[in-house]
């Protein structure tokens, strides 16, 4: 499973890239706004940190303007993936862009039917939002299972990009289901390292090592 960071914070992206865990980055207007920086500048900088796809989202709602915005965005770098909403105009834009060889991430997916439409439109990625389903009393991971089965049934090439990931259990369940990608805030990715027995093991090893009075350097 690929790991994407869902952030526009450059320091966090650099830190994850240094671990070798980072396969790409997803951004959106809200994340860019939180960074307090220029949209184009931030996107270009992110594209220089990772070779993987960097999702940059259009803000227009009509097909014609989406295409104009996409033309600007895809000139930023070769690894820009245009992010469009799961609407009729969004899918028109998706088809036009993918036919032209541009990566497209169809976002704001909340049903398996919507994911089916995105795959038929040729999306590179579809982004179902599991956390927002959980917020409304629905198990978001059931959506991932349904999409996975549909895509397997018809051998769609669209990759399932699990979005709105809130905690490490979302990551685990995504991997067990067989999702292609998950995107999460850096704090969730870092939380995957945590285990009390690992911490106790390190504490014990260091205590025993100190008792020898030796040094490796």
N, C-alpha and C. Protein backbone atom coordinates (compact mmCIF):
# COMPACT_ATOMS: atom_id res chain seq x y z
N UNK A 1 0.84 -1.19 0.00
CA UNK A 1 0.00 0.00 0.00
C UNK A 1 0.88 1.24 0.00
N UNK A 2 0.53 2.20 -0.86
CA UNK A 2 1.29 3.44 -0.92
C UNK A 2 0.84 4.37 0.20
N UNK A 3 1.81 5.13 0.72
CA UNK A 3 1.53 6.11 1.77
C UNK A 3 1.65 7.52 1.18
N UNK A 4 0.55 8.26 1.19
CA UNK A 4 0.57 9.67 0.82
C UNK A 4 0.38 10.49 2.09
N UNK A 5 1.03 11.65 2.15
CA UNK A 5 0.83 12.56 3.27
C UNK A 5 -0.23 13.59 2.88
N UNK A 6 -1.20 13.77 3.74
CA UNK A 6 -2.28 14.71 3.48
C UNK A 6 -1.97 16.01 4.22
N UNK A 7 -1.19 16.85 3.58
CA UNK A 7 -0.70 18.06 4.24
C UNK A 7 -0.10 19.01 3.23
N UNK A 8 0.07 20.25 3.65
CA UNK A 8 0.80 21.22 2.84
C UNK A 8 1.97 21.80 3.65
N UNK A 9 2.28 21.15 4.78
CA UNK A 9 3.37 21.60 5.63
C UNK A 9 4.69 21.00 5.12
N UNK A 10 5.56 21.85 4.63
CA UNK A 10 6.79 21.41 3.98
C UNK A 10 7.71 20.62 4.92
N UNK A 11 7.86 21.07 6.15
CA UNK A 11 8.77 20.39 7.09
C UNK A 11 8.31 18.95 7.34
N UNK A 12 7.02 18.76 7.50
CA UNK A 12 6.48 17.42 7.72
C UNK A 12 6.72 16.53 6.50
N UNK A 13 6.54 17.09 5.31
CA UNK A 13 6.74 16.32 4.09
C UNK A 13 8.20 15.91 3.95
N UNK A 14 9.10 16.83 4.24
CA UNK A 14 10.54 16.51 4.16
C UNK A 14 10.92 15.42 5.15
N UNK A 15 10.37 15.49 6.35
CA UNK A 15 10.69 14.50 7.38
C UNK A 15 10.23 13.10 6.96
N UNK A 16 9.02 13.01 6.42
CA UNK A 16 8.51 11.71 5.97
C UNK A 16 9.27 11.21 4.75
N UNK A 17 9.62 12.11 3.85
CA UNK A 17 10.38 11.72 2.66
C UNK A 17 11.72 11.12 3.04
N UNK A 18 12.32 11.63 4.10
CA UNK A 18 13.63 11.14 4.53
C UNK A 18 13.56 9.71 5.07
N UNK A 19 12.38 9.27 5.50
CA UNK A 19 12.23 7.90 6.01
C UNK A 19 12.07 6.88 4.89
N UNK A 20 11.78 7.36 3.68
CA UNK A 20 11.52 6.44 2.56
C UNK A 20 10.09 5.95 2.53
N UNK A 21 9.25 6.47 3.42
CA UNK A 21 7.86 6.01 3.50
C UNK A 21 6.92 6.78 2.59
N UNK A 22 7.36 7.93 2.10
CA UNK A 22 6.46 8.81 1.39
C UNK A 22 6.38 8.46 -0.10
N UNK A 23 5.17 8.13 -0.55
CA UNK A 23 4.95 7.78 -1.96
C UNK A 23 4.25 8.89 -2.73
N UNK A 24 3.79 9.91 -2.05
CA UNK A 24 3.09 11.00 -2.71
C UNK A 24 2.47 11.93 -1.67
N UNK A 25 1.80 12.97 -2.14
CA UNK A 25 1.20 13.97 -1.25
C UNK A 25 -0.16 14.36 -1.81
N UNK A 26 -1.11 14.56 -0.92
CA UNK A 26 -2.40 15.13 -1.32
C UNK A 26 -2.56 16.48 -0.63
N UNK A 27 -3.08 17.44 -1.38
CA UNK A 27 -3.38 18.75 -0.82
C UNK A 27 -4.80 19.11 -1.21
N UNK A 28 -5.30 20.16 -0.62
CA UNK A 28 -6.60 20.71 -1.01
C UNK A 28 -6.61 22.18 -0.60
N UNK A 29 -7.60 22.95 -1.04
CA UNK A 29 -7.62 24.38 -0.70
C UNK A 29 -7.55 24.65 0.80
N UNK A 30 -8.17 23.78 1.61
CA UNK A 30 -8.17 23.99 3.06
C UNK A 30 -6.76 23.83 3.63
N UNK A 31 -6.05 22.81 3.18
CA UNK A 31 -4.70 22.57 3.68
C UNK A 31 -3.75 23.68 3.25
N UNK A 32 -3.89 24.15 2.01
CA UNK A 32 -3.05 25.25 1.53
C UNK A 32 -3.32 26.50 2.36
N UNK A 33 -4.59 26.76 2.65
CA UNK A 33 -4.95 27.93 3.44
C UNK A 33 -4.32 27.88 4.83
N UNK A 34 -4.29 26.68 5.43
CA UNK A 34 -3.69 26.52 6.75
C UNK A 34 -2.20 26.82 6.74
N UNK A 35 -1.55 26.55 5.61
CA UNK A 35 -0.10 26.80 5.51
C UNK A 35 0.19 28.29 5.47
N UNK A 36 -0.79 29.10 5.05
CA UNK A 36 -0.61 30.54 4.99
C UNK A 36 0.29 31.00 3.86
N UNK A 37 0.53 30.12 2.89
CA UNK A 37 1.45 30.45 1.80
C UNK A 37 0.74 30.43 0.44
N UNK A 38 1.45 30.89 -0.58
CA UNK A 38 0.91 30.92 -1.93
C UNK A 38 0.68 29.52 -2.47
N UNK A 39 -0.50 29.30 -3.06
CA UNK A 39 -0.90 27.97 -3.54
C UNK A 39 0.10 27.39 -4.54
N UNK A 40 0.45 28.15 -5.56
CA UNK A 40 1.35 27.67 -6.60
C UNK A 40 2.74 27.41 -6.05
N UNK A 41 3.19 28.30 -5.20
CA UNK A 41 4.53 28.17 -4.61
C UNK A 41 4.65 26.91 -3.77
N UNK A 42 3.64 26.66 -2.93
CA UNK A 42 3.66 25.48 -2.06
C UNK A 42 3.61 24.20 -2.89
N UNK A 43 2.73 24.17 -3.88
CA UNK A 43 2.60 22.98 -4.72
C UNK A 43 3.90 22.67 -5.44
N UNK A 44 4.55 23.69 -5.97
CA UNK A 44 5.83 23.49 -6.67
C UNK A 44 6.89 22.95 -5.72
N UNK A 45 6.94 23.47 -4.52
CA UNK A 45 7.93 23.02 -3.54
C UNK A 45 7.69 21.56 -3.16
N UNK A 46 6.44 21.19 -2.96
CA UNK A 46 6.10 19.81 -2.62
C UNK A 46 6.52 18.87 -3.75
N UNK A 47 6.26 19.27 -4.98
CA UNK A 47 6.61 18.44 -6.14
C UNK A 47 8.11 18.20 -6.24
N UNK A 48 8.89 19.11 -5.67
CA UNK A 48 10.33 18.95 -5.68
C UNK A 48 10.85 18.04 -4.58
N UNK A 49 10.01 17.75 -3.60
CA UNK A 49 10.42 16.89 -2.48
C UNK A 49 10.17 15.42 -2.78
N UNK A 50 9.06 15.13 -3.43
CA UNK A 50 8.71 13.74 -3.74
C UNK A 50 8.58 13.54 -5.25
N UNK A 51 8.96 12.35 -5.69
CA UNK A 51 8.78 12.00 -7.11
C UNK A 51 7.37 11.46 -7.36
N UNK A 52 6.66 11.15 -6.29
CA UNK A 52 5.33 10.57 -6.42
C UNK A 52 4.28 11.62 -6.77
N UNK A 53 3.05 11.18 -7.00
CA UNK A 53 1.97 12.09 -7.36
C UNK A 53 1.70 13.13 -6.27
N UNK A 54 1.49 14.36 -6.69
CA UNK A 54 1.10 15.44 -5.77
C UNK A 54 -0.24 15.98 -6.25
N UNK A 55 -1.28 15.71 -5.48
CA UNK A 55 -2.62 16.14 -5.88
C UNK A 55 -2.81 17.63 -5.65
N UNK A 56 -3.14 18.33 -6.73
CA UNK A 56 -3.44 19.76 -6.66
C UNK A 56 -4.87 19.95 -7.16
N UNK A 57 -5.70 20.57 -6.34
CA UNK A 57 -7.14 20.58 -6.60
C UNK A 57 -7.61 21.83 -7.34
N UNK A 58 -8.47 21.61 -8.33
CA UNK A 58 -9.13 22.74 -8.98
C UNK A 58 -10.19 23.28 -8.04
N UNK A 59 -10.57 24.54 -8.24
CA UNK A 59 -11.60 25.14 -7.39
C UNK A 59 -12.85 25.50 -8.18
N UNK A 60 -12.77 25.45 -9.50
CA UNK A 60 -13.94 25.72 -10.34
C UNK A 60 -14.94 24.58 -10.25
N UNK A 61 -16.17 24.87 -10.60
CA UNK A 61 -17.22 23.85 -10.57
C UNK A 61 -17.71 23.46 -11.97
N UNK A 62 -17.39 24.27 -12.99
CA UNK A 62 -17.80 23.94 -14.34
C UNK A 62 -16.63 23.36 -15.13
N UNK A 63 -16.94 22.50 -16.08
CA UNK A 63 -15.94 21.76 -16.84
C UNK A 63 -14.94 22.68 -17.55
N UNK A 64 -15.45 23.69 -18.21
CA UNK A 64 -14.57 24.56 -19.00
C UNK A 64 -13.52 25.25 -18.13
N UNK A 65 -13.96 25.78 -16.98
CA UNK A 65 -13.01 26.46 -16.10
C UNK A 65 -12.09 25.47 -15.40
N UNK A 66 -12.62 24.28 -15.07
CA UNK A 66 -11.76 23.24 -14.49
C UNK A 66 -10.60 22.93 -15.44
N UNK A 67 -10.89 22.83 -16.72
CA UNK A 67 -9.85 22.52 -17.70
C UNK A 67 -8.81 23.64 -17.76
N UNK A 68 -9.26 24.88 -17.65
CA UNK A 68 -8.32 26.00 -17.67
C UNK A 68 -7.42 25.96 -16.44
N UNK A 69 -8.02 25.68 -15.29
CA UNK A 69 -7.23 25.60 -14.05
C UNK A 69 -6.27 24.42 -14.11
N UNK A 70 -6.74 23.30 -14.63
CA UNK A 70 -5.89 22.11 -14.73
C UNK A 70 -4.69 22.37 -15.63
N UNK A 71 -4.89 23.14 -16.68
CA UNK A 71 -3.80 23.47 -17.59
C UNK A 71 -2.70 24.24 -16.87
N UNK A 72 -3.09 25.12 -15.99
CA UNK A 72 -2.12 25.88 -15.19
C UNK A 72 -1.42 24.97 -14.19
N UNK A 73 -2.20 24.15 -13.51
CA UNK A 73 -1.65 23.31 -12.45
C UNK A 73 -0.68 22.25 -12.98
N UNK A 74 -1.01 21.63 -14.10
CA UNK A 74 -0.15 20.55 -14.58
C UNK A 74 1.16 21.05 -15.16
N UNK A 75 1.29 22.37 -15.34
CA UNK A 75 2.56 22.94 -15.79
C UNK A 75 3.54 23.12 -14.64
N UNK A 76 3.05 22.96 -13.41
CA UNK A 76 3.92 23.14 -12.23
C UNK A 76 5.04 22.11 -12.23
N UNK A 77 4.68 20.84 -12.48
CA UNK A 77 5.66 19.75 -12.48
C UNK A 77 5.04 18.52 -13.13
N UNK A 78 5.89 17.59 -13.54
CA UNK A 78 5.39 16.38 -14.21
C UNK A 78 4.63 15.46 -13.27
N UNK A 79 4.86 15.59 -11.96
CA UNK A 79 4.20 14.69 -11.01
C UNK A 79 2.94 15.28 -10.38
N UNK A 80 2.44 16.38 -10.95
CA UNK A 80 1.17 16.93 -10.47
C UNK A 80 0.02 16.02 -10.91
N UNK A 81 -0.85 15.74 -9.96
CA UNK A 81 -2.07 14.96 -10.23
C UNK A 81 -3.24 15.91 -9.99
N UNK A 82 -4.04 16.13 -11.03
CA UNK A 82 -5.14 17.08 -10.92
C UNK A 82 -6.28 16.47 -10.12
N UNK A 83 -6.72 17.21 -9.12
CA UNK A 83 -7.78 16.73 -8.23
C UNK A 83 -9.09 17.41 -8.59
N UNK A 84 -10.12 16.61 -8.87
CA UNK A 84 -11.43 17.16 -9.26
C UNK A 84 -12.51 16.55 -8.39
N UNK A 85 -13.62 17.27 -8.19
CA UNK A 85 -14.71 16.73 -7.38
C UNK A 85 -15.54 15.70 -8.14
N UNK A 86 -16.20 14.82 -7.41
CA UNK A 86 -17.01 13.79 -8.03
C UNK A 86 -18.38 14.35 -8.39
N UNK A 87 -18.37 15.13 -9.47
CA UNK A 87 -19.59 15.71 -10.05
C UNK A 87 -19.59 15.38 -11.54
N UNK A 88 -20.67 15.68 -12.22
CA UNK A 88 -20.71 15.43 -13.67
C UNK A 88 -19.60 16.22 -14.37
N UNK A 89 -19.47 17.49 -14.02
CA UNK A 89 -18.42 18.30 -14.64
C UNK A 89 -17.04 17.83 -14.24
N UNK A 90 -16.92 17.36 -12.99
CA UNK A 90 -15.64 16.83 -12.54
C UNK A 90 -15.24 15.60 -13.34
N UNK A 91 -16.20 14.73 -13.61
CA UNK A 91 -15.89 13.51 -14.36
C UNK A 91 -15.65 13.80 -15.85
N UNK A 92 -16.32 14.82 -16.38
CA UNK A 92 -16.01 15.25 -17.75
C UNK A 92 -14.55 15.70 -17.83
N UNK A 93 -14.15 16.45 -16.82
CA UNK A 93 -12.77 16.93 -16.77
C UNK A 93 -11.81 15.77 -16.58
N UNK A 94 -12.19 14.83 -15.73
CA UNK A 94 -11.37 13.64 -15.50
C UNK A 94 -11.11 12.90 -16.81
N UNK A 95 -12.15 12.65 -17.57
CA UNK A 95 -11.99 11.91 -18.82
C UNK A 95 -11.11 12.66 -19.81
N UNK A 96 -11.34 13.97 -19.94
CA UNK A 96 -10.55 14.77 -20.87
C UNK A 96 -9.07 14.77 -20.49
N UNK A 97 -8.79 14.87 -19.20
CA UNK A 97 -7.40 14.92 -18.75
C UNK A 97 -6.71 13.57 -18.85
N UNK A 98 -7.40 12.52 -18.43
CA UNK A 98 -6.76 11.19 -18.49
C UNK A 98 -6.56 10.74 -19.93
N UNK A 99 -7.47 11.13 -20.82
CA UNK A 99 -7.28 10.82 -22.24
C UNK A 99 -6.03 11.50 -22.79
N UNK A 100 -5.65 12.60 -22.12
CA UNK A 100 -4.47 13.37 -22.54
C UNK A 100 -3.21 12.94 -21.77
N UNK A 101 -3.35 11.90 -20.93
CA UNK A 101 -2.18 11.38 -20.21
C UNK A 101 -1.90 12.04 -18.87
N UNK A 102 -2.84 12.83 -18.36
CA UNK A 102 -2.66 13.50 -17.08
C UNK A 102 -3.26 12.68 -15.95
N UNK A 103 -2.55 12.57 -14.83
CA UNK A 103 -3.08 11.88 -13.66
C UNK A 103 -4.23 12.69 -13.06
N UNK A 104 -5.28 11.97 -12.64
CA UNK A 104 -6.43 12.64 -12.03
C UNK A 104 -6.85 11.90 -10.77
N UNK A 105 -7.08 12.67 -9.72
CA UNK A 105 -7.60 12.15 -8.45
C UNK A 105 -9.02 12.69 -8.29
N UNK A 106 -10.01 11.78 -8.35
CA UNK A 106 -11.41 12.19 -8.16
C UNK A 106 -11.72 12.13 -6.67
N UNK A 107 -12.03 13.26 -6.11
CA UNK A 107 -12.18 13.38 -4.66
C UNK A 107 -13.63 13.55 -4.22
N UNK A 108 -13.82 13.54 -2.91
CA UNK A 108 -15.15 13.68 -2.31
C UNK A 108 -16.08 12.54 -2.74
N UNK A 109 -15.55 11.33 -2.68
CA UNK A 109 -16.33 10.13 -2.99
C UNK A 109 -16.93 9.58 -1.70
N UNK A 110 -18.25 9.39 -1.71
CA UNK A 110 -18.93 8.91 -0.51
C UNK A 110 -19.81 7.68 -0.75
N UNK A 111 -19.77 7.14 -1.96
CA UNK A 111 -20.53 5.92 -2.23
C UNK A 111 -19.81 5.05 -3.24
N UNK A 112 -20.11 3.75 -3.21
CA UNK A 112 -19.51 2.83 -4.17
C UNK A 112 -19.99 3.14 -5.59
N UNK A 113 -21.23 3.61 -5.72
CA UNK A 113 -21.74 3.99 -7.04
C UNK A 113 -20.91 5.13 -7.62
N UNK A 114 -20.58 6.11 -6.78
CA UNK A 114 -19.74 7.22 -7.24
C UNK A 114 -18.36 6.71 -7.67
N UNK A 115 -17.81 5.78 -6.91
CA UNK A 115 -16.49 5.23 -7.24
C UNK A 115 -16.54 4.48 -8.57
N UNK A 116 -17.64 3.81 -8.85
CA UNK A 116 -17.82 3.13 -10.13
C UNK A 116 -17.79 4.13 -11.28
N UNK A 117 -18.47 5.26 -11.09
CA UNK A 117 -18.47 6.31 -12.12
C UNK A 117 -17.07 6.85 -12.36
N UNK A 118 -16.33 7.07 -11.27
CA UNK A 118 -14.97 7.61 -11.39
C UNK A 118 -14.07 6.66 -12.18
N UNK A 119 -14.21 5.37 -11.91
CA UNK A 119 -13.40 4.37 -12.63
C UNK A 119 -13.76 4.35 -14.11
N UNK A 120 -15.04 4.43 -14.41
CA UNK A 120 -15.47 4.43 -15.80
C UNK A 120 -15.01 5.68 -16.55
N UNK A 121 -14.80 6.77 -15.79
CA UNK A 121 -14.31 8.01 -16.39
C UNK A 121 -12.79 7.99 -16.55
N UNK A 122 -12.16 6.92 -16.07
CA UNK A 122 -10.72 6.76 -16.27
C UNK A 122 -9.84 7.36 -15.19
N UNK A 123 -10.41 7.62 -14.01
CA UNK A 123 -9.64 8.24 -12.93
C UNK A 123 -8.39 7.43 -12.59
N UNK A 124 -7.30 8.12 -12.31
CA UNK A 124 -6.10 7.46 -11.82
C UNK A 124 -6.32 6.99 -10.39
N UNK A 125 -6.90 7.89 -9.59
CA UNK A 125 -7.23 7.60 -8.19
C UNK A 125 -8.67 8.02 -7.91
N UNK A 126 -9.31 7.31 -6.99
CA UNK A 126 -10.58 7.78 -6.43
C UNK A 126 -10.38 7.89 -4.93
N UNK A 127 -10.88 8.98 -4.34
CA UNK A 127 -10.65 9.24 -2.92
C UNK A 127 -11.93 9.16 -2.10
N UNK A 128 -12.25 7.95 -1.57
CA UNK A 128 -13.38 7.82 -0.66
C UNK A 128 -13.00 8.33 0.73
N UNK A 129 -13.90 9.07 1.36
CA UNK A 129 -13.61 9.71 2.65
C UNK A 129 -14.17 8.86 3.79
N UNK A 130 -13.31 8.10 4.44
CA UNK A 130 -13.79 7.18 5.48
C UNK A 130 -14.10 7.89 6.79
N UNK A 131 -13.27 8.85 7.16
CA UNK A 131 -13.47 9.53 8.44
C UNK A 131 -14.77 10.30 8.51
N UNK A 132 -15.14 10.91 7.40
CA UNK A 132 -16.38 11.69 7.40
C UNK A 132 -17.60 10.77 7.49
N UNK A 133 -17.47 9.56 6.93
CA UNK A 133 -18.55 8.58 7.11
C UNK A 133 -18.66 8.20 8.58
N UNK A 134 -17.51 7.94 9.21
CA UNK A 134 -17.50 7.58 10.63
C UNK A 134 -18.16 8.68 11.47
N UNK A 135 -17.89 9.93 11.10
CA UNK A 135 -18.46 11.06 11.85
C UNK A 135 -19.99 11.05 11.82
N UNK A 136 -20.55 10.43 10.79
CA UNK A 136 -22.00 10.41 10.63
C UNK A 136 -22.62 9.06 10.98
N UNK A 137 -21.86 8.27 11.77
CA UNK A 137 -22.40 7.02 12.28
C UNK A 137 -22.39 5.87 11.30
N UNK A 138 -21.62 5.98 10.21
CA UNK A 138 -21.50 4.91 9.22
C UNK A 138 -20.06 4.42 9.20
N UNK A 139 -19.86 3.12 9.11
CA UNK A 139 -18.51 2.56 9.06
C UNK A 139 -17.87 2.86 7.71
N UNK A 140 -16.94 3.79 7.71
CA UNK A 140 -16.31 4.19 6.46
C UNK A 140 -15.57 3.08 5.75
N UNK A 141 -15.06 2.12 6.50
CA UNK A 141 -14.28 1.05 5.89
C UNK A 141 -15.16 0.11 5.08
N UNK A 142 -16.46 0.06 5.39
CA UNK A 142 -17.38 -0.75 4.57
C UNK A 142 -17.42 -0.21 3.14
N UNK A 143 -17.30 1.10 3.01
CA UNK A 143 -17.26 1.72 1.68
C UNK A 143 -16.03 1.23 0.91
N UNK A 144 -14.89 1.15 1.58
CA UNK A 144 -13.66 0.70 0.92
C UNK A 144 -13.81 -0.75 0.47
N UNK A 145 -14.43 -1.58 1.30
CA UNK A 145 -14.65 -2.98 0.93
C UNK A 145 -15.53 -3.09 -0.32
N UNK A 146 -16.59 -2.29 -0.36
CA UNK A 146 -17.50 -2.34 -1.52
C UNK A 146 -16.80 -1.89 -2.80
N UNK A 147 -16.04 -0.80 -2.70
CA UNK A 147 -15.33 -0.30 -3.88
C UNK A 147 -14.31 -1.32 -4.35
N UNK A 148 -13.59 -1.92 -3.40
CA UNK A 148 -12.57 -2.91 -3.75
C UNK A 148 -13.17 -4.09 -4.49
N UNK A 149 -14.34 -4.55 -4.03
CA UNK A 149 -14.98 -5.68 -4.70
C UNK A 149 -15.42 -5.30 -6.11
N UNK A 150 -16.01 -4.12 -6.26
CA UNK A 150 -16.46 -3.68 -7.59
C UNK A 150 -15.28 -3.55 -8.54
N UNK A 151 -14.21 -2.94 -8.08
CA UNK A 151 -13.04 -2.76 -8.95
C UNK A 151 -12.42 -4.11 -9.32
N UNK A 152 -12.42 -5.05 -8.38
CA UNK A 152 -11.90 -6.39 -8.68
C UNK A 152 -12.80 -7.11 -9.68
N UNK A 153 -14.11 -6.92 -9.55
CA UNK A 153 -15.05 -7.57 -10.46
C UNK A 153 -14.78 -7.24 -11.92
N UNK A 154 -14.39 -5.99 -12.15
CA UNK A 154 -14.26 -5.51 -13.53
C UNK A 154 -12.83 -5.13 -13.91
N UNK A 155 -11.89 -5.44 -13.04
CA UNK A 155 -10.46 -5.18 -13.31
C UNK A 155 -10.20 -3.72 -13.66
N UNK A 156 -10.88 -2.81 -12.96
CA UNK A 156 -10.61 -1.39 -13.17
C UNK A 156 -9.19 -1.06 -12.71
N UNK A 157 -8.55 -0.16 -13.41
CA UNK A 157 -7.18 0.23 -13.07
C UNK A 157 -7.14 1.40 -12.09
N UNK A 158 -8.27 2.04 -11.86
CA UNK A 158 -8.33 3.15 -10.90
C UNK A 158 -7.90 2.66 -9.52
N UNK A 159 -7.00 3.42 -8.88
CA UNK A 159 -6.50 3.03 -7.56
C UNK A 159 -7.38 3.63 -6.46
N UNK A 160 -7.66 2.82 -5.45
CA UNK A 160 -8.44 3.28 -4.30
C UNK A 160 -7.51 4.01 -3.35
N UNK A 161 -7.77 5.31 -3.19
CA UNK A 161 -6.95 6.16 -2.32
C UNK A 161 -7.79 6.51 -1.09
N UNK A 162 -7.57 5.80 -0.01
CA UNK A 162 -8.38 5.99 1.20
C UNK A 162 -8.04 7.35 1.81
N UNK A 163 -9.05 8.22 1.91
CA UNK A 163 -8.85 9.58 2.40
C UNK A 163 -9.65 9.81 3.67
N UNK A 164 -9.43 10.98 4.27
CA UNK A 164 -10.06 11.32 5.54
C UNK A 164 -9.71 10.27 6.59
N UNK A 165 -8.45 9.86 6.58
CA UNK A 165 -7.93 8.88 7.54
C UNK A 165 -7.68 9.58 8.86
N UNK A 166 -8.26 9.06 9.93
CA UNK A 166 -8.22 9.74 11.22
C UNK A 166 -7.29 9.07 12.24
N UNK A 167 -7.02 7.78 12.07
CA UNK A 167 -6.24 7.07 13.10
C UNK A 167 -5.60 5.83 12.48
N UNK A 168 -4.75 5.17 13.26
CA UNK A 168 -3.96 4.05 12.73
C UNK A 168 -4.82 2.84 12.38
N UNK A 169 -5.97 2.70 13.00
CA UNK A 169 -6.85 1.57 12.67
C UNK A 169 -7.39 1.71 11.24
N UNK A 170 -7.65 2.94 10.82
CA UNK A 170 -8.03 3.16 9.43
C UNK A 170 -6.94 2.66 8.48
N UNK A 171 -5.69 2.92 8.84
CA UNK A 171 -4.57 2.47 8.01
C UNK A 171 -4.51 0.95 7.97
N UNK A 172 -4.61 0.33 9.12
CA UNK A 172 -4.57 -1.14 9.21
C UNK A 172 -5.69 -1.77 8.39
N UNK A 173 -6.91 -1.29 8.57
CA UNK A 173 -8.04 -1.88 7.84
C UNK A 173 -7.92 -1.66 6.34
N UNK A 174 -7.38 -0.52 5.95
CA UNK A 174 -7.17 -0.26 4.52
C UNK A 174 -6.20 -1.27 3.93
N UNK A 175 -5.14 -1.57 4.67
CA UNK A 175 -4.15 -2.53 4.21
C UNK A 175 -4.74 -3.94 4.15
N UNK A 176 -5.55 -4.30 5.14
CA UNK A 176 -6.16 -5.62 5.17
C UNK A 176 -7.14 -5.81 4.00
N UNK A 177 -7.86 -4.74 3.67
CA UNK A 177 -8.80 -4.81 2.55
C UNK A 177 -8.06 -4.89 1.22
N UNK A 178 -6.89 -4.25 1.18
CA UNK A 178 -6.11 -4.25 -0.06
C UNK A 178 -6.20 -2.95 -0.83
N UNK A 179 -6.49 -1.85 -0.13
CA UNK A 179 -6.53 -0.54 -0.79
C UNK A 179 -5.15 -0.23 -1.38
N UNK A 180 -5.15 0.49 -2.49
CA UNK A 180 -3.90 0.79 -3.17
C UNK A 180 -3.09 1.86 -2.47
N UNK A 181 -3.78 2.85 -1.92
CA UNK A 181 -3.14 4.02 -1.33
C UNK A 181 -3.94 4.47 -0.11
N UNK A 182 -3.25 5.03 0.86
CA UNK A 182 -3.96 5.75 1.91
C UNK A 182 -3.25 7.09 2.08
N UNK A 183 -4.04 8.13 2.32
CA UNK A 183 -3.45 9.44 2.59
C UNK A 183 -3.88 9.88 3.98
N UNK A 184 -2.91 10.31 4.77
CA UNK A 184 -3.21 10.65 6.15
C UNK A 184 -2.36 11.84 6.59
N UNK A 185 -2.82 12.56 7.61
CA UNK A 185 -1.99 13.62 8.18
C UNK A 185 -0.69 13.02 8.71
N UNK A 186 0.40 13.78 8.69
CA UNK A 186 1.68 13.27 9.18
C UNK A 186 1.61 12.66 10.58
N UNK A 187 0.79 13.25 11.46
CA UNK A 187 0.73 12.73 12.83
C UNK A 187 0.18 11.31 12.86
N UNK A 188 -0.71 10.96 11.94
CA UNK A 188 -1.24 9.60 11.89
C UNK A 188 -0.18 8.64 11.37
N UNK A 189 0.55 9.05 10.35
CA UNK A 189 1.63 8.20 9.81
C UNK A 189 2.69 7.96 10.88
N UNK A 190 3.06 9.01 11.62
CA UNK A 190 4.06 8.86 12.67
C UNK A 190 3.56 7.96 13.80
N UNK A 191 2.26 7.97 14.05
CA UNK A 191 1.69 7.14 15.11
C UNK A 191 1.83 5.65 14.81
N UNK A 192 2.03 5.30 13.54
CA UNK A 192 2.21 3.89 13.18
C UNK A 192 3.46 3.30 13.81
N UNK A 193 4.42 4.15 14.15
CA UNK A 193 5.66 3.68 14.78
C UNK A 193 5.45 3.26 16.23
N UNK A 194 4.42 3.78 16.86
CA UNK A 194 4.28 3.67 18.30
C UNK A 194 3.81 2.29 18.77
N UNK A 195 4.54 1.73 19.73
CA UNK A 195 4.08 0.53 20.44
C UNK A 195 4.80 0.49 21.78
N UNK A 196 4.05 0.25 22.83
CA UNK A 196 4.61 0.29 24.17
C UNK A 196 5.73 -0.74 24.35
N UNK A 197 5.62 -1.90 23.69
CA UNK A 197 6.66 -2.93 23.84
C UNK A 197 7.94 -2.53 23.13
N UNK A 198 7.82 -1.80 22.03
CA UNK A 198 9.02 -1.28 21.37
C UNK A 198 9.74 -0.31 22.30
N UNK A 199 8.97 0.58 22.91
CA UNK A 199 9.56 1.57 23.82
C UNK A 199 10.21 0.90 25.03
N UNK A 200 9.54 -0.12 25.57
CA UNK A 200 10.12 -0.84 26.72
C UNK A 200 11.37 -1.61 26.31
N UNK A 201 11.33 -2.16 25.10
CA UNK A 201 12.50 -2.91 24.62
C UNK A 201 13.71 -2.02 24.47
N UNK A 202 13.51 -0.83 23.91
CA UNK A 202 14.63 0.12 23.76
C UNK A 202 15.15 0.53 25.13
N UNK A 203 14.23 0.79 26.05
CA UNK A 203 14.63 1.18 27.40
C UNK A 203 15.49 0.10 28.07
N UNK A 204 15.08 -1.17 27.89
CA UNK A 204 15.84 -2.27 28.48
C UNK A 204 17.20 -2.45 27.83
N UNK A 205 17.24 -2.37 26.49
CA UNK A 205 18.52 -2.52 25.78
C UNK A 205 19.51 -1.43 26.21
N UNK A 206 19.02 -0.19 26.32
CA UNK A 206 19.91 0.92 26.68
C UNK A 206 20.43 0.77 28.11
N UNK A 207 19.56 0.30 28.99
CA UNK A 207 19.98 0.11 30.38
C UNK A 207 21.08 -0.95 30.47
N UNK A 208 20.89 -2.04 29.75
CA UNK A 208 21.91 -3.11 29.75
C UNK A 208 23.20 -2.63 29.10
N UNK A 209 23.08 -1.85 28.06
CA UNK A 209 24.27 -1.37 27.36
C UNK A 209 25.08 -0.42 28.24
N UNK A 210 24.37 0.48 28.91
CA UNK A 210 25.05 1.43 29.79
C UNK A 210 25.82 0.72 30.91
N UNK A 211 25.28 -0.42 31.32
CA UNK A 211 25.94 -1.16 32.41
C UNK A 211 27.28 -1.76 31.99
N UNK A 212 27.50 -1.86 30.68
CA UNK A 212 28.79 -2.42 30.21
C UNK A 212 29.88 -1.38 30.20
N UNK A 213 29.51 -0.09 30.21
CA UNK A 213 30.52 0.96 30.16
C UNK A 213 31.22 1.07 28.81
N UNK A 214 30.70 0.43 27.80
CA UNK A 214 31.34 0.44 26.49
C UNK A 214 30.77 1.54 25.59
N UNK A 215 31.46 1.77 24.47
CA UNK A 215 31.03 2.76 23.49
C UNK A 215 31.28 2.23 22.09
N UNK A 216 30.37 2.46 21.19
CA UNK A 216 30.57 1.99 19.81
C UNK A 216 31.46 2.96 19.04
N UNK A 217 31.38 4.24 19.36
CA UNK A 217 32.22 5.23 18.66
C UNK A 217 33.54 5.48 19.38
